[in-house]
Amino acid sequence: MKIIDPHLHLFDLKKGNYQWLREDNPPFCPDKHLIAKNFSEHNLTLAAPLTLAGFVHIEAGFDNEQPWREIAWLENTCNMDFRSIALLDITLPKALFLLALEKLTSYKSVVGIRYILDDDTIAILNDNNSQANLATLAESKLSFELQMSLANSLAVDRLMTILSVTPNLMLCINHAGWPTQNHVEYAHWLQNIERLASFENVFIKCSGFEMIDKHYSASWQHKVINQCIEKFGVARVMLASNFPLSLWHASYQDTWGSYLALAKNELAETKLAGTTFLYNAEQLQQLCFSNAQQFYKF
């Protein structure tokens, strides 16, 4: 089975800055040393029945001041078929945003940008430059990777206002919009993914479960995926690894093996045999390959 991994990160600690990977910088977590090392495409090893046909590299803080340096490094280093999502601050004044966008799009692998919102979501989305720059992104036929908590209904309100006036912006929610194991927050998350699913240009990527809980259960992971599929439909959901952060929970092979267990023919011999979240081979191929192939322009 062919896979395009639509969300992963590669590091070269000698060439890049990666401030967030340094021990004395946030985020502070006891297992940071497990990922604070060099990772290349050669670490993306899969065994049968899985084959990695391509990947999407998501910006990883290589150089936040000159984000094109990360793209140049990737294009000089990687031989596998890949696409890049570059870092670009959407609150920049229009002239600076356009200048940076022009530099980034001179690299053939760039298909979109990410600017992490998270704790600053409302302030960033309320910034006058943000809406204008997202409209520019849409005009340039580039996508935006959205990283924010979808349990925050006020922030989702603001996002929906922007989406309503930017109907051509291709947007992909990262890490399933941070579902939590808190029942109240989870209910808000579920309501808000349904609201966002009403926009046909919005897709959702399921990954990053290890950032919510390093010891998450496969049944909880599968529940989240199933609810994303219920709201967005199979054609607008992608499964991804978030490598190398996924190593906090499992190997690269086992991360994808957990997704493979969503298929009907794989479940019979596993402890998840009683689950109701079953997808056929064609649907799983959409979730693991063809949706990413289309969205990221392979």
Foldseek 3Di string as FASTA:
>chain_A
DEFEFEEAAFDDVVQFPQVCLDCVHPPHDPCSVVASHGDDVVQLDADPPYDYQEYEHEDRRRDQVQQLVVVVVNVVGDDGHYAYATEDQQLDPPVVRVVSVVSNVVRPRYQYYEDECAPPLVVSLPRPSNLVSLLVCLVVNHEYEYAYAQLPVVSLVSVVVSCVVRLSHQYEYEQLRDQAPPVSSNVSSLVSLLVVLVRLSYAYEHEDPCVRPLADDLVVSLVSQLSNCVRNNLLRYAYHYHPPSNVSRPRSHVSVVSLVCLAQVNVPPDPCVPDPRHDHPVSSCSRGPDSSCVSSVD
